[in-house]
Amino acid sequence: MTCPSSFVFSEEFTRYRFRDDHPFNQQRVLMTKDLLEKEHALTDDQIIPPRVATEQELRLVHHPKYINAVKRGGEGLLTESEALEYGIGTEDTPIFSGMHEASSLLVGGTLAAIDSVLQGKVKHSTNLGGGLHHGFERKASGFCIYNDGAVGIKYIRKHTDYKVLYVDTDAHHGDGVQWAFYDDPNVCTFSIHETGRYLFPGTGNVNERGLKEGYGYSFNLPIDAFTENESFIQLYEYAFRQIVDYFRPDIIITQNGADAHFLDPLTHLCGTMKLYEKIPMLAHQLAHEYCEGRWVALGGGGYDIWRVVPRAWAQLWKIMSTGSPFNGPLPASWKDHWQSKSPVQLPLHWDDPAGSYQEIPRKQEISEKNQKILEKSMQFILNQKKFNS
């Protein structure tokens, strides 16, 4: 199965860089593209350039005063107190030169991906430079300045009557996107993430259901720390299938953070590369079943940029464009090129070897807790089905 797909890319994505030792590092996008090219899985005619989002487009989500503050911050014209009011100049989201321009390019990359799907040029598109799901109307948060996913969804709603399903599999709750559409019945958000008891941003509880007309269109699965593949995949697949059948979207937007892996330094989940095969395979399948294939995939978190993110995001593209994952050894030419730059030993294979991490003694307990979370989260849909039958 080969699907017409586009891959948004520019080396200028690396301009979105807080400082050399900051965990958010867009070199991972370059490494992913290089890995795909060395596997002969990405061709020049599949690559499309991003554009710079206009200020009018940014205003679909962000307040003009906030946009102005970001501009001034990137020019060194913002006081410390002004910066903190807007969530910039913090340890997580420091000010850097040209940050408005760099951030606008990431948003424009998502809009370019969306346009290629809406215009029927391709069935699917991915912008790995995007997925900055913590950005708010008036505030930066969690490494995210402008929220490209939220702007993209507003853009879709402005130019079409499509109902949009947003699915977020980042280890951190997709709070910025959820709150942007919390009262909107035409946008359904679904986030599976590590519980906020242990992890930023601390939101994403099961009882966050939406507000007013949007009630019943927000779904969260806050899974326990140290959750492994089986429990994550079971919850994700069951919930995704229930939600897509309940909501009946016209287009699916996925945020594909790669930080639920056991090697990620900022989270406490225990997924392996098998997770990053199953996540896009289900999105791909359901997009074809419910949305005539319309699917836009964004990047997101992922802080082991050497061993995890390039493999995870390359699998996303491979499944998006062909329907099947890579397997076997990684290309030696890729490993040889990047190993001298890497502080850790790079992997040899697409899969993680058995026994890669220490066995979790609470596995059954964690899985049982997650199952209860799933039942509680999906009870709303089951009740709606009973009411309508």
Protein backbone atom coordinates (compact mmCIF):
# COMPACT_ATOMS: atom_id res chain seq x y z
CA MET A 1 0.00 0.00 0.00
CA THR A 2 1.52 3.29 -1.14
CA CYS A 3 -0.16 6.54 -0.15
CA PRO A 4 0.54 9.95 -1.72
CA SER A 5 2.22 11.81 1.16
CA SER A 6 4.22 14.99 1.67
CA PHE A 7 7.09 15.67 4.05
CA VAL A 8 7.54 19.29 5.15
CA PHE A 9 11.18 20.15 5.69
CA SER A 10 13.65 23.00 5.91
CA GLU A 11 17.05 23.16 7.55
CA GLU A 12 15.79 26.49 8.89
CA PHE A 13 13.78 24.49 11.45
CA THR A 14 17.00 24.42 13.50
CA ARG A 15 16.67 28.19 14.04
CA TYR A 16 14.14 27.29 16.74
CA ARG A 17 16.86 26.77 19.36
CA PHE A 18 16.84 28.05 22.92
CA ARG A 19 20.47 27.34 23.84
CA ASP A 20 23.08 24.65 23.24
CA ASP A 21 22.27 22.60 26.36
CA HIS A 22 18.47 22.87 26.10
CA PRO A 23 16.68 19.50 25.69
CA PHE A 24 14.52 20.73 22.78
CA ASN A 25 16.83 20.30 19.82
CA GLN A 26 15.58 20.37 16.24
CA GLN A 27 18.67 18.52 15.03
CA ARG A 28 16.42 15.47 15.48
CA VAL A 29 14.47 16.56 12.38
CA LEU A 30 17.68 16.68 10.32
CA MET A 31 18.70 13.26 11.64
CA THR A 32 15.31 11.79 10.76
CA LYS A 33 15.40 13.12 7.22
CA ASP A 34 18.94 11.82 6.77
CA LEU A 35 17.92 8.39 8.06
CA LEU A 36 15.00 8.25 5.64
CA GLU A 37 17.17 9.29 2.71
CA LYS A 38 19.81 6.71 3.56
CA GLU A 39 17.02 4.10 3.62
CA HIS A 40 15.83 5.41 0.20
CA ALA A 41 12.41 6.01 1.77
CA LEU A 42 12.13 9.75 1.06
CA THR A 43 12.41 11.34 -2.37
CA ASP A 44 12.80 14.95 -3.45
CA ASP A 45 9.33 15.06 -4.97
CA GLN A 46 7.79 14.13 -1.59
CA ILE A 47 9.48 17.03 0.24
CA ILE A 48 7.67 20.36 0.38
CA PRO A 49 9.01 23.57 1.93
CA PRO A 50 7.36 25.27 4.89
CA ARG A 51 6.19 28.84 4.65
CA VAL A 52 6.23 31.53 7.29
CA ALA A 53 2.84 31.84 9.00
CA THR A 54 1.42 35.34 8.69
CA GLU A 55 0.55 37.38 11.75
CA GLN A 56 -3.11 37.10 10.78
CA GLU A 57 -2.79 33.31 10.85
CA LEU A 58 -1.05 33.38 14.23
CA ARG A 59 -3.94 35.50 15.54
CA LEU A 60 -6.30 32.60 14.90
CA VAL A 61 -5.03 31.38 18.30
CA HIS A 62 -2.61 33.92 19.78
CA HIS A 63 -3.39 37.39 21.12
CA PRO A 64 -1.79 40.33 19.24
CA LYS A 65 -0.12 41.55 22.45
CA TYR A 66 1.52 38.17 22.92
CA ILE A 67 2.74 38.05 19.32
CA ASN A 68 4.19 41.54 19.76
CA ALA A 69 5.93 40.46 22.97
CA VAL A 70 7.50 37.48 21.18
CA LYS A 71 8.72 39.79 18.40
CA ARG A 72 10.21 42.24 20.88
CA GLY A 73 11.76 39.46 22.92
CA GLY A 74 13.55 38.11 19.87
CA GLU A 75 14.90 41.60 19.20
CA GLY A 76 16.16 42.03 22.78
CA LEU A 77 13.58 44.73 23.54
CA LEU A 78 11.53 43.00 26.26
CA THR A 79 12.04 43.62 29.96
CA GLU A 80 12.36 40.66 32.30
CA SER A 81 9.00 41.33 33.96
CA GLU A 82 7.25 41.69 30.60
CA ALA A 83 8.80 38.46 29.37
CA LEU A 84 7.71 36.48 32.42
CA GLU A 85 4.16 37.79 32.04
CA TYR A 86 4.06 35.99 28.68
CA GLY A 87 5.90 32.83 29.79
CA ILE A 88 9.13 33.59 27.94
CA GLY A 89 12.52 34.12 29.49
CA THR A 90 11.92 31.12 31.78
CA GLU A 91 14.18 28.10 32.33
CA ASP A 92 11.93 25.99 30.09
CA THR A 93 11.31 28.58 27.39
CA PRO A 94 14.21 31.04 27.26
CA ILE A 95 14.33 34.03 24.94
CA PHE A 96 16.46 33.63 21.82
CA SER A 97 17.25 35.93 18.93
CA GLY A 98 14.73 35.82 16.08
CA MET A 99 12.31 33.61 17.99
CA HIS A 100 9.20 35.09 16.35
CA GLU A 101 10.53 34.30 12.88
CA ALA A 102 11.71 30.81 13.86
CA SER A 103 8.40 30.03 15.57
CA SER A 104 6.37 31.37 12.66
CA LEU A 105 8.22 29.03 10.32
CA LEU A 106 7.25 26.00 12.41
CA VAL A 107 3.60 27.11 12.31
CA GLY A 108 3.88 27.71 8.58
CA GLY A 109 5.24 24.20 8.18
CA THR A 110 2.08 22.80 9.72
CA LEU A 111 -0.07 25.04 7.50
CA ALA A 112 1.86 23.85 4.43
CA ALA A 113 1.20 20.24 5.47
CA ILE A 114 -2.50 20.98 5.97
CA ASP A 115 -2.78 22.78 2.62
CA SER A 116 -1.26 19.84 0.76
CA VAL A 117 -3.97 17.58 2.22
CA LEU A 118 -6.90 20.00 1.95
CA GLN A 119 -6.05 20.74 -1.68
CA GLY A 120 -6.04 17.03 -2.49
CA LYS A 121 -2.41 16.94 -3.54
CA VAL A 122 -1.73 14.14 -1.06
CA LYS A 123 -3.68 11.96 1.36
CA HIS A 124 -1.26 12.47 4.25
CA SER A 125 1.39 14.97 5.29
CA THR A 126 3.86 15.37 8.14
CA ASN A 127 5.60 18.35 9.69
CA LEU A 128 8.10 16.95 12.19
CA GLY A 129 9.16 20.49 13.05
CA GLY A 130 5.74 21.12 14.57
CA GLY A 131 3.69 19.66 17.41
CA LEU A 132 4.33 22.47 19.92
CA HIS A 133 1.21 21.67 21.90
CA HIS A 134 1.84 23.65 25.11
CA GLY A 135 1.54 27.14 23.61
CA PHE A 136 -1.42 29.25 24.84
CA GLU A 137 -3.27 32.30 23.56
CA ARG A 138 -1.20 34.70 25.66
CA LYS A 139 1.60 32.57 27.02
CA ALA A 140 4.51 30.33 26.06
CA SER A 141 4.93 27.12 28.01
CA GLY A 142 6.94 23.91 28.02
CA PHE A 143 9.38 24.75 25.17
CA CYS A 144 6.46 25.97 23.00
CA ILE A 145 6.07 29.56 21.82
CA TYR A 146 3.38 29.39 19.12
CA ASN A 147 0.98 26.44 19.06
CA ASP A 148 1.15 25.25 15.46
CA GLY A 149 -1.35 22.44 16.00
CA ALA A 150 -4.00 24.79 17.38
CA VAL A 151 -3.37 27.37 14.64
CA GLY A 152 -3.61 24.59 12.07
CA ILE A 153 -6.94 23.36 13.41
CA LYS A 154 -8.35 26.92 13.46
CA TYR A 155 -7.10 27.29 9.88
CA ILE A 156 -8.93 24.12 8.83
CA ARG A 157 -12.13 25.31 10.50
CA LYS A 158 -11.82 28.74 8.86
CA HIS A 159 -11.43 27.34 5.34
CA THR A 160 -13.66 24.22 5.54
CA ASP A 161 -16.54 22.80 7.51
CA TYR A 162 -14.46 19.74 8.45
CA LYS A 163 -14.77 18.27 11.91
CA VAL A 164 -11.26 17.79 13.30
CA LEU A 165 -10.02 15.03 15.58
CA TYR A 166 -6.75 15.86 17.34
CA VAL A 167 -4.86 12.87 18.77
CA ASP A 168 -1.84 13.48 21.03
CA THR A 169 0.44 10.59 22.03
CA ASP A 170 3.20 12.72 23.56
CA ALA A 171 4.11 11.72 27.13
CA HIS A 172 3.04 15.22 28.19
CA HIS A 173 -0.61 16.27 28.13
CA GLY A 174 -1.61 18.26 25.04
CA ASP A 175 -2.93 21.08 27.19
CA GLY A 176 -2.60 24.05 24.84
CA VAL A 177 -4.61 22.38 22.06
CA GLN A 178 -7.22 21.02 24.46
CA TRP A 179 -7.94 24.40 26.07
CA ALA A 180 -8.03 26.19 22.69
CA PHE A 181 -11.04 24.05 21.67
CA TYR A 182 -12.55 23.21 25.03
CA ASP A 183 -15.95 24.70 24.10
CA ASP A 184 -15.92 23.75 20.40
CA PRO A 185 -18.10 20.77 19.37
CA ASN A 186 -16.45 20.60 15.95
CA VAL A 187 -12.99 19.80 17.36
CA CYS A 188 -12.46 16.69 19.45
CA THR A 189 -9.20 16.29 21.39
CA PHE A 190 -7.78 13.00 22.66
CA SER A 191 -4.55 12.87 24.67
CA ILE A 192 -2.87 9.78 26.14
CA HIS A 193 -0.02 10.85 28.41
CA GLU A 194 1.82 10.16 31.63
CA THR A 195 -0.27 11.18 34.62
CA GLY A 196 0.15 14.76 35.74
CA ARG A 197 0.89 13.56 39.26
CA TYR A 198 4.49 13.17 38.19
CA LEU A 199 4.94 15.11 34.97
CA PHE A 200 4.51 18.59 33.47
CA PRO A 201 2.02 20.18 32.86
CA GLY A 202 0.01 18.44 35.59
CA THR A 203 -3.27 18.54 33.65
CA GLY A 204 -5.11 16.04 31.47
CA ASN A 205 -7.37 14.37 33.98
CA VAL A 206 -10.21 12.08 32.95
CA ASN A 207 -12.80 14.60 34.14
CA GLU A 208 -11.62 17.29 31.69
CA ARG A 209 -14.55 16.73 29.32
CA GLY A 210 -15.08 20.08 27.62
CA LEU A 211 -17.26 23.10 28.31
CA LYS A 212 -20.69 24.28 27.11
CA GLU A 213 -21.24 23.11 23.50
CA GLY A 214 -17.84 21.42 23.65
CA TYR A 215 -18.77 19.15 26.53
CA GLY A 216 -18.13 15.56 25.55
CA TYR A 217 -15.44 16.36 23.00
CA SER A 218 -12.35 16.24 25.21
CA PHE A 219 -10.83 12.88 26.17
CA ASN A 220 -7.81 12.15 28.33
CA LEU A 221 -6.00 8.97 29.35
CA PRO A 222 -3.51 9.87 32.12
CA ILE A 223 -1.57 6.61 32.36
CA ASP A 224 0.68 5.60 35.24
CA ALA A 225 4.43 6.11 35.35
CA PHE A 226 6.41 3.09 34.07
CA THR A 227 3.60 2.00 31.75
CA GLU A 228 4.94 -0.44 29.14
CA ASN A 229 3.99 -1.17 25.53
CA GLU A 230 1.13 -3.58 26.09
CA SER A 231 -0.91 -1.35 28.38
CA PHE A 232 -0.22 1.82 26.36
CA ILE A 233 -1.20 0.18 23.07
CA GLN A 234 -4.30 -1.47 24.53
CA LEU A 235 -5.62 1.83 25.89
CA TYR A 236 -4.63 3.86 22.83
CA GLU A 237 -6.24 1.51 20.34
CA TYR A 238 -9.47 0.95 22.24
CA ALA A 239 -9.95 4.65 23.01
CA PHE A 240 -8.99 5.86 19.51
CA ARG A 241 -11.46 3.46 17.89
CA GLN A 242 -14.25 4.43 20.28
CA ILE A 243 -13.62 8.16 19.86
CA VAL A 244 -13.32 8.17 16.08
CA ASP A 245 -16.55 6.16 15.74
CA TYR A 246 -18.32 8.50 18.17
CA PHE A 247 -17.06 11.78 16.67
CA ARG A 248 -16.87 10.85 12.96
CA PRO A 249 -14.16 13.37 11.96
CA ASP A 250 -13.41 14.62 8.47
CA ILE A 251 -9.66 14.97 9.12
CA ILE A 252 -7.27 13.66 11.78
CA ILE A 253 -4.35 15.65 13.19
CA THR A 254 -1.87 13.66 15.27
CA GLN A 255 0.88 14.95 17.54
CA ASN A 256 3.66 12.38 17.60
CA GLY A 257 5.92 13.17 20.52
CA ALA A 258 8.52 10.40 20.89
CA ASP A 259 9.08 10.78 24.63
CA ALA A 260 7.15 7.75 25.93
CA HIS A 261 10.26 5.64 25.22
CA PHE A 262 12.16 4.17 28.15
CA LEU A 263 15.33 6.07 27.12
CA ASP A 264 13.71 9.50 27.22
CA PRO A 265 15.42 11.60 29.91
CA LEU A 266 12.40 13.75 30.83
CA THR A 267 9.61 11.20 31.33
CA HIS A 268 8.90 7.99 33.22
CA LEU A 269 7.18 5.73 30.68
CA CYS A 270 8.64 2.46 29.39
CA GLY A 271 7.69 2.17 25.75
CA THR A 272 9.98 0.69 23.11
CA MET A 273 10.16 1.20 19.37
CA LYS A 274 7.20 -1.17 18.97
CA LEU A 275 5.08 1.69 20.31
CA TYR A 276 6.19 3.91 17.44
CA GLU A 277 5.08 1.35 14.90
CA LYS A 278 1.62 0.84 16.38
CA ILE A 279 0.79 4.52 16.97
CA PRO A 280 1.00 5.62 13.31
CA MET A 281 -0.36 2.35 11.92
CA LEU A 282 -3.65 2.85 13.75
CA ALA A 283 -3.86 6.53 12.79
CA HIS A 284 -3.22 5.58 9.18
CA GLN A 285 -5.89 2.91 9.20
CA LEU A 286 -8.56 5.04 10.85
CA ALA A 287 -7.86 8.04 8.62
CA HIS A 288 -8.67 5.87 5.62
CA GLU A 289 -11.72 4.33 7.28
CA TYR A 290 -13.31 7.59 8.44
CA CYS A 291 -11.67 10.57 6.67
CA GLU A 292 -10.94 9.48 3.08
CA GLY A 293 -7.31 9.33 4.17
CA ARG A 294 -7.02 12.93 5.38
CA TRP A 295 -4.30 12.83 8.03
CA VAL A 296 -1.69 15.40 9.11
CA ALA A 297 1.03 14.25 11.53
CA LEU A 298 3.13 16.64 13.61
CA GLY A 299 6.28 16.13 15.66
CA GLY A 300 6.40 17.12 19.32
CA GLY A 301 8.41 15.98 22.32
CA GLY A 302 11.28 13.55 22.27
CA TYR A 303 14.51 14.30 24.09
CA ASP A 304 16.75 11.36 23.32
CA ILE A 305 17.51 12.82 19.92
CA TRP A 306 20.21 10.25 19.14
CA ARG A 307 18.77 6.82 19.84
CA VAL A 308 15.01 7.31 19.82
CA VAL A 309 13.52 10.24 17.90
CA PRO A 310 15.03 9.60 14.43
CA ARG A 311 13.90 5.98 14.50
CA ALA A 312 10.41 6.83 15.82
CA TRP A 313 9.77 9.64 13.35
CA ALA A 314 11.23 7.71 10.44
CA GLN A 315 8.77 4.90 11.23
CA LEU A 316 5.96 7.47 11.24
CA TRP A 317 6.86 8.56 7.72
CA LYS A 318 7.43 5.02 6.46
CA ILE A 319 4.02 3.88 7.69
CA MET A 320 2.34 7.07 6.46
CA SER A 321 3.76 6.72 2.95
CA THR A 322 3.79 2.93 2.50
CA GLY A 323 1.62 1.40 5.22
CA SER A 324 4.41 -0.75 6.64
CA PRO A 325 7.31 -0.15 9.07
CA PHE A 326 11.05 -0.58 8.67
CA ASN A 327 12.69 -3.64 10.20
CA GLY A 328 16.15 -5.13 10.50
CA PRO A 329 19.41 -3.17 10.78
CA LEU A 330 19.73 0.58 10.44
CA PRO A 331 21.82 1.76 7.49
CA ALA A 332 25.49 1.71 8.46
CA SER A 333 26.08 4.94 6.55
CA TRP A 334 23.67 6.78 8.87
CA LYS A 335 25.27 5.44 12.01
CA ASP A 336 28.77 6.17 10.71
CA HIS A 337 27.84 9.76 9.91
CA TRP A 338 26.24 10.61 13.27
CA GLN A 339 28.20 8.46 15.73
CA SER A 340 31.13 10.86 15.95
CA LYS A 341 28.71 13.63 16.99
CA SER A 342 26.72 11.53 19.46
CA PRO A 343 27.50 11.36 23.20
CA VAL A 344 25.94 7.86 23.33
CA GLN A 345 26.29 4.66 21.32
CA LEU A 346 23.78 4.72 18.46
CA PRO A 347 21.46 1.75 17.93
CA LEU A 348 22.10 -0.85 15.26
CA HIS A 349 18.53 -1.93 14.54
CA TRP A 350 15.08 -0.43 14.08
CA ASP A 351 13.74 -2.45 17.02
CA ASP A 352 15.01 -2.34 20.58
CA PRO A 353 16.59 -5.66 21.64
CA ALA A 354 14.82 -7.78 24.23
CA GLY A 355 15.79 -6.94 27.80
CA SER A 356 16.72 -3.34 26.96
CA TYR A 357 15.43 -2.07 30.29
CA GLN A 358 15.04 -3.53 33.77
CA GLU A 359 11.79 -5.40 34.35
CA ILE A 360 9.09 -3.31 36.05
CA PRO A 361 7.96 -5.17 39.20
CA ARG A 362 4.59 -3.35 39.34
CA LYS A 363 3.62 -4.20 35.76
CA GLN A 364 0.30 -5.90 36.59
CA GLU A 365 -0.69 -3.21 39.09
CA ILE A 366 0.12 -0.46 36.57
CA SER A 367 -1.87 -2.19 33.84
CA GLU A 368 -4.89 -2.64 36.13
CA LYS A 369 -4.79 1.04 37.15
CA ASN A 370 -4.60 2.06 33.50
CA GLN A 371 -7.56 -0.17 32.64
CA LYS A 372 -9.67 1.61 35.26
CA ILE A 373 -8.64 4.96 33.78
CA LEU A 374 -9.71 3.73 30.35
CA GLU A 375 -13.10 2.57 31.61
CA LYS A 376 -13.69 5.89 33.34
CA SER A 377 -12.64 7.90 30.29
CA MET A 378 -14.76 5.90 27.83
CA GLN A 379 -17.86 5.71 30.04
CA PHE A 380 -19.13 8.94 28.50
CA ILE A 381 -19.19 7.41 25.01
CA LEU A 382 -20.83 4.20 26.27
CA ASN A 383 -23.50 6.26 28.02
CA GLN A 384 -24.13 8.26 24.83
CA LYS A 385 -24.56 5.04 22.85
CA LYS A 386 -27.10 3.75 25.38
CA PHE A 387 -28.97 7.06 25.29
CA ASN A 388 -29.15 7.07 21.49
CA SER A 389 -30.15 3.42 21.12
